[in-house]
Amino acid sequence: MLSIVTLTPALCWAETETQAVDIYSQEQLIELIRTKQYLTRVTGDDCQLVQDIEARAEVLKQPLYQYLWAEMLNHGICVKANPPRGISLLRDSAEQGSAEAMLRIAEYYHDGHFVIQDRERAIHYVMPAAANGDLPSRMMLVRLFGEGYGSPRDFELGYHWLYNDVFSDEATKEQALKLLKVLEQKMPPSAVARAKQEHLRSR
């Protein structure tokens, strides 16, 4: 039944001589999220995929589509704004292991957007994604530690993760170095030396 519903809009658009838009692949969606172009893309596609996106988020419960649908609801893109539902969907996506959703919720708590500002809670959301190797989450975690939030006992681990990560471009690497330099000021030299090792050893 779902396949019939999702095919119908494409046929209707074709009949009106408007080019139909294919649903985004997981790879496309990750790239759109990472480059923060996902909402621009949805509006650029003339909101043709709203029903498809909603079905994949609400019925199929696909984490990346829960993220996209949540953000459309949060910001009123192609649909009436509904931040309570949007944040709830982001949490659902995070609970399914989406690093992108964990990071987005952390950003909202960091900035106090849609929720009461709580940077300790931001760490709670971003820590698992950082532990699983997500570079943007590791940078967010070190940023929060550098701002004085979180437990000093975790500073060494956060520093270690980011220092030993691999960067695809120089701009990101330079940003990471700046964040690490700030965090260094809050750590004993011995802890910094341990964190820089390829394999973190117990004290």
Protein backbone atom coordinates (compact mmCIF):
# COMPACT_ATOMS: atom_id res chain seq x y z
CA MET A 1 0.00 0.00 0.00
CA LEU A 2 2.85 2.36 0.85
CA SER A 3 4.45 1.96 -2.57
CA ILE A 4 1.18 2.92 -4.27
CA VAL A 5 0.86 6.05 -2.13
CA THR A 6 4.41 7.20 -2.82
CA LEU A 7 4.19 6.65 -6.57
CA THR A 8 1.06 8.71 -7.06
CA PRO A 9 2.57 12.21 -6.53
CA ALA A 10 5.33 11.50 -9.05
CA LEU A 11 2.75 10.54 -11.66
CA CYS A 12 0.70 13.65 -10.98
CA TRP A 13 3.70 15.91 -11.33
CA ALA A 14 4.70 14.21 -14.57
CA GLU A 15 1.26 14.86 -16.00
CA THR A 16 1.57 18.59 -15.25
CA GLU A 17 4.92 18.66 -17.02
CA THR A 18 6.84 19.38 -13.83
CA GLN A 19 9.89 17.20 -13.46
CA ALA A 20 9.32 14.56 -10.80
CA VAL A 21 11.89 14.29 -8.02
CA ASP A 22 13.29 10.98 -6.82
CA ILE A 23 13.42 10.25 -3.12
CA TYR A 24 16.87 10.78 -1.61
CA SER A 25 19.18 7.82 -1.06
CA GLN A 26 20.72 7.30 2.38
CA GLU A 27 24.07 8.50 1.01
CA GLN A 28 22.53 11.65 -0.47
CA LEU A 29 20.69 12.41 2.74
CA ILE A 30 23.80 12.01 4.90
CA GLU A 31 25.69 14.38 2.62
CA LEU A 32 22.83 16.91 2.70
CA ILE A 33 22.74 16.74 6.50
CA ARG A 34 26.50 17.03 6.90
CA THR A 35 26.62 20.07 4.62
CA LYS A 36 23.46 21.53 6.20
CA GLN A 37 21.75 21.69 2.82
CA TYR A 38 18.85 19.35 3.61
CA LEU A 39 16.14 21.99 4.11
CA THR A 40 17.36 24.01 1.13
CA ARG A 41 17.13 20.85 -0.99
CA VAL A 42 13.58 20.08 0.13
CA THR A 43 12.37 23.57 -0.76
CA GLY A 44 14.43 23.51 -3.97
CA ASP A 45 12.53 20.37 -4.95
CA ASP A 46 9.28 22.37 -4.62
CA CYS A 47 8.19 20.34 -1.58
CA GLN A 48 7.30 17.42 -3.89
CA LEU A 49 8.62 14.78 -1.48
CA VAL A 50 6.71 15.75 1.67
CA GLN A 51 4.49 12.63 1.67
CA ASP A 52 7.42 10.33 0.94
CA ILE A 53 9.55 11.88 3.68
CA GLU A 54 6.70 11.71 6.20
CA ALA A 55 6.01 8.05 5.37
CA ARG A 56 9.64 7.05 5.78
CA ALA A 57 9.84 8.90 9.09
CA GLU A 58 6.48 8.11 10.68
CA VAL A 59 5.67 4.68 9.21
CA LEU A 60 9.00 3.09 8.31
CA LYS A 61 10.81 4.94 11.11
CA GLN A 62 14.04 5.32 9.14
CA PRO A 63 16.44 7.36 11.35
CA LEU A 64 17.74 9.74 8.67
CA TYR A 65 14.23 10.45 7.44
CA GLN A 66 13.09 10.96 11.04
CA TYR A 67 15.85 13.56 11.22
CA LEU A 68 14.76 15.27 8.00
CA TRP A 69 11.05 15.23 8.84
CA ALA A 70 11.83 16.47 12.36
CA GLU A 71 13.75 19.43 11.00
CA MET A 72 10.98 20.25 8.52
CA LEU A 73 8.55 20.32 11.47
CA ASN A 74 10.95 22.31 13.66
CA HIS A 75 11.41 25.04 11.06
CA GLY A 76 8.08 24.92 9.23
CA ILE A 77 9.54 23.82 5.89
CA CYS A 78 6.78 22.71 3.49
CA VAL A 79 4.56 21.95 6.51
CA LYS A 80 3.13 23.80 9.50
CA ALA A 81 5.80 24.23 12.17
CA ASN A 82 5.50 21.80 15.09
CA PRO A 83 8.71 21.85 17.18
CA PRO A 84 7.36 19.56 19.96
CA ARG A 85 6.80 16.80 17.41
CA GLY A 86 10.06 17.65 15.66
CA ILE A 87 12.20 17.37 18.77
CA SER A 88 10.42 14.14 19.72
CA LEU A 89 11.28 12.67 16.31
CA LEU A 90 14.91 13.76 16.66
CA ARG A 91 15.05 11.90 19.98
CA ASP A 92 13.55 8.82 18.32
CA SER A 93 16.22 9.01 15.63
CA ALA A 94 18.95 9.41 18.25
CA GLU A 95 17.64 6.40 20.17
CA GLN A 96 18.05 4.37 16.99
CA GLY A 97 21.71 5.34 16.94
CA SER A 98 21.73 8.26 14.49
CA ALA A 99 24.86 10.30 15.19
CA GLU A 100 23.39 13.11 13.11
CA ALA A 101 20.33 13.31 15.38
CA MET A 102 22.43 13.13 18.56
CA LEU A 103 24.54 16.03 17.32
CA ARG A 104 21.53 18.11 16.27
CA ILE A 105 19.83 17.75 19.64
CA ALA A 106 23.12 18.64 21.33
CA GLU A 107 23.32 21.78 19.18
CA TYR A 108 19.79 22.78 20.20
CA TYR A 109 20.61 22.33 23.89
CA HIS A 110 23.89 24.20 23.44
CA ASP A 111 22.16 27.18 21.83
CA GLY A 112 18.87 27.03 23.74
CA HIS A 113 16.89 26.78 20.51
CA PHE A 114 13.43 25.16 20.93
CA VAL A 115 14.56 23.92 24.38
CA ILE A 116 15.91 25.51 27.55
CA GLN A 117 19.65 25.94 27.20
CA ASP A 118 21.42 23.09 28.98
CA ARG A 119 24.98 22.45 27.85
CA GLU A 120 25.47 19.57 30.26
CA ARG A 121 22.57 17.82 28.55
CA ALA A 122 24.18 18.63 25.20
CA ILE A 123 27.16 16.55 26.34
CA HIS A 124 24.80 13.72 27.30
CA TYR A 125 23.52 13.59 23.72
CA VAL A 126 26.78 14.10 21.85
CA MET A 127 29.00 11.77 23.91
CA PRO A 128 27.71 8.45 22.44
CA ALA A 129 28.07 9.75 18.88
CA ALA A 130 31.61 10.90 19.64
CA ALA A 131 32.43 7.51 21.16
CA ASN A 132 31.22 5.84 17.95
CA GLY A 133 33.65 7.85 15.83
CA ASP A 134 31.51 10.69 14.48
CA LEU A 135 33.92 13.56 13.77
CA PRO A 136 31.43 16.47 13.99
CA SER A 137 30.27 15.09 17.35
CA ARG A 138 33.84 14.82 18.59
CA MET A 139 34.44 18.43 17.66
CA MET A 140 31.24 19.48 19.42
CA LEU A 141 32.26 17.52 22.52
CA VAL A 142 35.72 19.12 22.70
CA ARG A 143 34.11 22.52 22.15
CA LEU A 144 31.80 21.93 25.12
CA PHE A 145 34.66 20.71 27.30
CA GLY A 146 36.68 23.77 26.28
CA GLU A 147 33.78 25.98 27.34
CA GLY A 148 34.01 24.43 30.81
CA TYR A 149 31.13 21.97 30.67
CA GLY A 150 31.22 18.27 31.46
CA SER A 151 33.40 16.30 33.85
CA PRO A 152 37.16 17.02 33.83
CA ARG A 153 37.60 13.25 34.06
CA ASP A 154 36.28 13.02 30.48
CA PHE A 155 38.47 15.78 29.04
CA GLU A 156 41.34 13.41 28.34
CA LEU A 157 39.12 10.98 26.46
CA GLY A 158 37.52 13.71 24.35
CA TYR A 159 40.94 15.18 23.56
CA HIS A 160 42.28 11.74 22.61
CA TRP A 161 39.43 11.01 20.21
CA LEU A 162 39.74 14.27 18.31
CA TYR A 163 43.54 14.46 18.32
CA ASN A 164 43.82 10.98 16.78
CA ASP A 165 41.02 11.39 14.23
CA VAL A 166 41.55 11.67 10.46
CA PHE A 167 40.45 14.81 8.60
CA SER A 168 39.30 15.08 4.99
CA ASP A 169 40.23 18.74 4.61
CA GLU A 170 42.63 21.28 6.08
CA ALA A 171 39.90 23.66 7.24
CA THR A 172 38.33 21.03 9.49
CA LYS A 173 41.75 20.01 10.82
CA GLU A 174 42.60 23.62 11.66
CA GLN A 175 39.28 24.03 13.45
CA ALA A 176 39.96 20.87 15.45
CA LEU A 177 43.42 22.13 16.43
CA LYS A 178 41.92 25.38 17.71
CA LEU A 179 39.37 23.48 19.81
CA LEU A 180 42.10 21.20 21.19
CA LYS A 181 44.27 24.19 22.09
CA VAL A 182 41.44 25.66 24.17
CA LEU A 183 40.85 22.35 25.96
CA GLU A 184 44.58 21.95 26.66
CA GLN A 185 44.38 24.98 28.94
CA LYS A 186 42.03 23.06 31.21
CA MET A 187 44.14 19.88 31.40
CA PRO A 188 47.38 19.01 33.23
CA PRO A 189 50.36 18.60 30.85
CA SER A 190 50.58 14.92 31.80
CA ALA A 191 46.95 14.36 30.75
CA VAL A 192 47.55 16.12 27.42
CA ALA A 193 50.61 13.94 26.79
CA ARG A 194 48.61 10.77 27.49
CA ALA A 195 45.72 11.93 25.31
CA LYS A 196 48.03 12.50 22.35
CA GLN A 197 49.15 8.88 22.32
CA GLU A 198 47.69 6.66 19.61
CA HIS A 199 46.33 4.26 22.21
CA LEU A 200 44.97 5.78 25.40
CA ARG A 201 46.36 4.04 28.47
CA SER A 202 44.92 3.98 31.96
CA ARG A 203 46.56 6.24 34.49
